[in-house]
Amino acid sequence: MDFVIRKRGNFCLLDIKKDIFDTNLLTEIFGFIKKNIKNKNNLALNLKQVKAFDCAKTLNLLFKENITIAEAKAELIVQANLLGQKLPLKIFFSEEDFMENKRSYTRRRFTLIK
């Protein structure tokens, strides 16, 4: 298992312990959520240790399931905005911001220029 489950009050945080966030890990997380989590609104992924997403398919699955991210590096946020243009993703500055539902990243539109 490449993630650690933490409970903070009514909230469940999944700390991802891999450098590359890939589709296999996301499938494992979805299996865990399906079996153990009743309210996905109180669930967030902590991507503090993740350096990159492996492909756009992983991001699209993440967007489709509407999973919240509690922490992420700036490079991940840029990659998510460049690869997943169609759907919004909730990304909060910190775990505390997620639990209080404040200070989230606003969606930026990036354009690639030659």
C-alpha atoms as a PDB file:
ATOM      1  CA  MET A   1       0.000   0.000   0.000  1.00  0.00           C
ATOM      2  CA  ASP A   2       1.493   3.317  -1.117  1.00  0.00           C
ATOM      3  CA  PHE A   3      -0.709   5.516   1.034  1.00  0.00           C
ATOM      4  CA  VAL A   4      -1.338   6.037   4.742  1.00  0.00           C
ATOM      5  CA  ILE A   5      -4.810   6.660   6.142  1.00  0.00           C
ATOM      6  CA  ARG A   6      -5.212   9.298   8.835  1.00  0.00           C
ATOM      7  CA  LYS A   7      -8.366  10.384  10.635  1.00  0.00           C
ATOM      8  CA  ARG A   8      -8.707  13.924  11.943  1.00  0.00           C
ATOM      9  CA  GLY A   9     -12.075  14.325  13.565  1.00  0.00           C
ATOM     10  CA  ASN A  10     -14.718  13.562  10.926  1.00  0.00           C
ATOM     11  CA  PHE A  11     -12.172  13.879   8.112  1.00  0.00           C
ATOM     12  CA  CYS A  12     -10.133  11.179   6.410  1.00  0.00           C
ATOM     13  CA  LEU A  13      -6.775  12.106   4.864  1.00  0.00           C
ATOM     14  CA  LEU A  14      -4.805   9.799   2.596  1.00  0.00           C
ATOM     15  CA  ASP A  15      -1.077  10.593   2.596  1.00  0.00           C
ATOM     16  CA  ILE A  16       0.406   9.436  -0.710  1.00  0.00           C
ATOM     17  CA  LYS A  17       3.911   7.992  -0.251  1.00  0.00           C
ATOM     18  CA  LYS A  18       5.037   7.753  -3.897  1.00  0.00           C
ATOM     19  CA  ASP A  19       6.963  10.159  -6.107  1.00  0.00           C
ATOM     20  CA  ILE A  20       4.804   9.466  -9.176  1.00  0.00           C
ATOM     21  CA  PHE A  21       1.022   9.387  -8.829  1.00  0.00           C
ATOM     22  CA  ASP A  22      -0.071   6.707 -11.304  1.00  0.00           C
ATOM     23  CA  THR A  23      -3.269   4.981 -12.402  1.00  0.00           C
ATOM     24  CA  ASN A  24      -2.521   1.802 -10.421  1.00  0.00           C
ATOM     25  CA  LEU A  25      -2.273   3.779  -7.188  1.00  0.00           C
ATOM     26  CA  LEU A  26      -5.478   5.632  -8.020  1.00  0.00           C
ATOM     27  CA  THR A  27      -7.277   2.326  -8.631  1.00  0.00           C
ATOM     28  CA  GLU A  28      -6.053   1.088  -5.246  1.00  0.00           C
ATOM     29  CA  ILE A  29      -7.308   4.296  -3.612  1.00  0.00           C
ATOM     30  CA  PHE A  30     -10.720   4.005  -5.310  1.00  0.00           C
ATOM     31  CA  GLY A  31     -11.017   0.416  -4.022  1.00  0.00           C
ATOM     32  CA  PHE A  32     -10.257   1.598  -0.487  1.00  0.00           C
ATOM     33  CA  ILE A  33     -12.759   4.462  -0.755  1.00  0.00           C
ATOM     34  CA  LYS A  34     -15.496   2.185  -2.072  1.00  0.00           C
ATOM     35  CA  LYS A  35     -15.066  -0.251   0.843  1.00  0.00           C
ATOM     36  CA  ASN A  36     -14.373   2.129   3.721  1.00  0.00           C
ATOM     37  CA  ILE A  37     -15.537   5.704   3.082  1.00  0.00           C
ATOM     38  CA  LYS A  38     -19.209   6.659   3.228  1.00  0.00           C
ATOM     39  CA  ASN A  39     -18.885  10.419   2.724  1.00  0.00           C
ATOM     40  CA  LYS A  40     -16.377  11.451   0.035  1.00  0.00           C
ATOM     41  CA  ASN A  41     -16.871  15.114   0.987  1.00  0.00           C
ATOM     42  CA  ASN A  42     -14.786  14.476   4.112  1.00  0.00           C
ATOM     43  CA  LEU A  43     -11.955  12.804   2.177  1.00  0.00           C
ATOM     44  CA  ALA A  44      -8.815  14.423   0.782  1.00  0.00           C
ATOM     45  CA  LEU A  45      -5.528  13.281  -0.708  1.00  0.00           C
ATOM     46  CA  ASN A  46      -2.344  14.752   0.726  1.00  0.00           C
ATOM     47  CA  LEU A  47       0.060  14.954  -2.236  1.00  0.00           C
ATOM     48  CA  LYS A  48       2.864  16.710  -0.379  1.00  0.00           C
ATOM     49  CA  GLN A  49       5.409  13.994  -1.327  1.00  0.00           C
ATOM     50  CA  VAL A  50       4.230  13.487  -4.924  1.00  0.00           C
ATOM     51  CA  LYS A  51       6.423  15.017  -7.626  1.00  0.00           C
ATOM     52  CA  ALA A  52       4.344  14.324 -10.760  1.00  0.00           C
ATOM     53  CA  PHE A  53       1.301  12.642 -12.261  1.00  0.00           C
ATOM     54  CA  ASP A  54       2.129   9.838 -14.686  1.00  0.00           C
ATOM     55  CA  CYS A  55      -0.375  10.766 -17.415  1.00  0.00           C
ATOM     56  CA  ALA A  56      -3.526  12.668 -18.297  1.00  0.00           C
ATOM     57  CA  LYS A  57      -5.612   9.498 -17.780  1.00  0.00           C
ATOM     58  CA  THR A  58      -4.779   9.557 -14.052  1.00  0.00           C
ATOM     59  CA  LEU A  59      -5.860  13.183 -13.798  1.00  0.00           C
ATOM     60  CA  ASN A  60      -9.062  12.548 -15.717  1.00  0.00           C
ATOM     61  CA  LEU A  61      -9.985   9.732 -13.315  1.00  0.00           C
ATOM     62  CA  LEU A  62      -9.222  12.008 -10.372  1.00  0.00           C
ATOM     63  CA  PHE A  63     -11.355  14.794 -11.893  1.00  0.00           C
ATOM     64  CA  LYS A  64     -14.186  12.385 -12.706  1.00  0.00           C
ATOM     65  CA  GLU A  65     -14.409  11.075  -9.127  1.00  0.00           C
ATOM     66  CA  ASN A  66     -14.200  14.635  -7.753  1.00  0.00           C
ATOM     67  CA  ILE A  67     -11.568  13.821  -5.128  1.00  0.00           C
ATOM     68  CA  THR A  68     -10.218  16.767  -3.114  1.00  0.00           C
ATOM     69  CA  ILE A  69      -6.496  17.439  -2.705  1.00  0.00           C
ATOM     70  CA  ALA A  70      -5.377  18.895   0.614  1.00  0.00           C
ATOM     71  CA  GLU A  71      -1.768  19.786  -0.233  1.00  0.00           C
ATOM     72  CA  ALA A  72       0.257  19.741  -3.428  1.00  0.00           C
ATOM     73  CA  LYS A  73       3.449  21.253  -4.793  1.00  0.00           C
ATOM     74  CA  ALA A  74       3.200  24.063  -7.316  1.00  0.00           C
ATOM     75  CA  GLU A  75       4.488  21.770 -10.094  1.00  0.00           C
ATOM     76  CA  LEU A  76       1.598  19.371  -9.532  1.00  0.00           C
ATOM     77  CA  ILE A  77      -0.960  22.149  -9.669  1.00  0.00           C
ATOM     78  CA  VAL A  78       0.470  23.409 -12.954  1.00  0.00           C
ATOM     79  CA  GLN A  79       0.535  19.877 -14.373  1.00  0.00           C
ATOM     80  CA  ALA A  80      -3.071  19.305 -13.301  1.00  0.00           C
ATOM     81  CA  ASN A  81      -4.176  22.540 -14.956  1.00  0.00           C
ATOM     82  CA  LEU A  82      -2.298  21.805 -18.184  1.00  0.00           C
ATOM     83  CA  LEU A  83      -3.370  18.166 -18.563  1.00  0.00           C
ATOM     84  CA  GLY A  84      -6.908  18.371 -17.183  1.00  0.00           C
ATOM     85  CA  GLN A  85      -8.450  21.381 -18.840  1.00  0.00           C
ATOM     86  CA  LYS A  86     -12.099  20.307 -18.781  1.00  0.00           C
ATOM     87  CA  LEU A  87     -12.996  19.629 -15.163  1.00  0.00           C
ATOM     88  CA  PRO A  88     -12.192  21.595 -12.004  1.00  0.00           C
ATOM     89  CA  LEU A  89     -10.243  20.021  -9.166  1.00  0.00           C
ATOM     90  CA  LYS A  90     -10.474  21.199  -5.561  1.00  0.00           C
ATOM     91  CA  ILE A  91      -6.999  21.865  -4.166  1.00  0.00           C
ATOM     92  CA  PHE A  92      -6.544  23.399  -0.737  1.00  0.00           C
ATOM     93  CA  PHE A  93      -3.394  25.041   0.632  1.00  0.00           C
ATOM     94  CA  SER A  94      -3.254  22.834   3.728  1.00  0.00           C
ATOM     95  CA  GLU A  95      -5.131  20.161   5.643  1.00  0.00           C
ATOM     96  CA  GLU A  96      -6.559  22.761   7.998  1.00  0.00           C
ATOM     97  CA  ASP A  97      -7.911  24.771   5.062  1.00  0.00           C
ATOM     98  CA  PHE A  98      -9.576  21.618   3.723  1.00  0.00           C
ATOM     99  CA  MET A  99     -11.244  20.908   7.071  1.00  0.00           C
ATOM    100  CA  GLU A 100     -12.425  24.526   7.385  1.00  0.00           C
ATOM    101  CA  ASN A 101     -13.331  24.725   3.661  1.00  0.00           C
ATOM    102  CA  LYS A 102     -11.382  27.909   2.979  1.00  0.00           C
ATOM    103  CA  ARG A 103      -8.275  29.083   1.071  1.00  0.00           C
ATOM    104  CA  SER A 104      -8.420  26.850  -1.977  1.00  0.00           C
ATOM    105  CA  TYR A 105      -6.536  27.365  -5.211  1.00  0.00           C
ATOM    106  CA  THR A 106      -8.532  29.054  -7.901  1.00  0.00           C
ATOM    107  CA  ARG A 107      -8.442  27.510 -11.314  1.00  0.00           C
ATOM    108  CA  ARG A 108      -5.915  29.117 -13.620  1.00  0.00           C
ATOM    109  CA  ARG A 109      -6.005  28.702 -17.357  1.00  0.00           C
ATOM    110  CA  PHE A 110      -2.595  28.090 -18.869  1.00  0.00           C
ATOM    111  CA  THR A 111      -1.774  28.381 -22.545  1.00  0.00           C
ATOM    112  CA  LEU A 112       1.209  26.824 -24.226  1.00  0.00           C
ATOM    113  CA  ILE A 113       3.043  29.301 -26.468  1.00  0.00           C
ATOM    114  CA  LYS A 114       5.614  28.386 -29.095  1.00  0.00           C
END
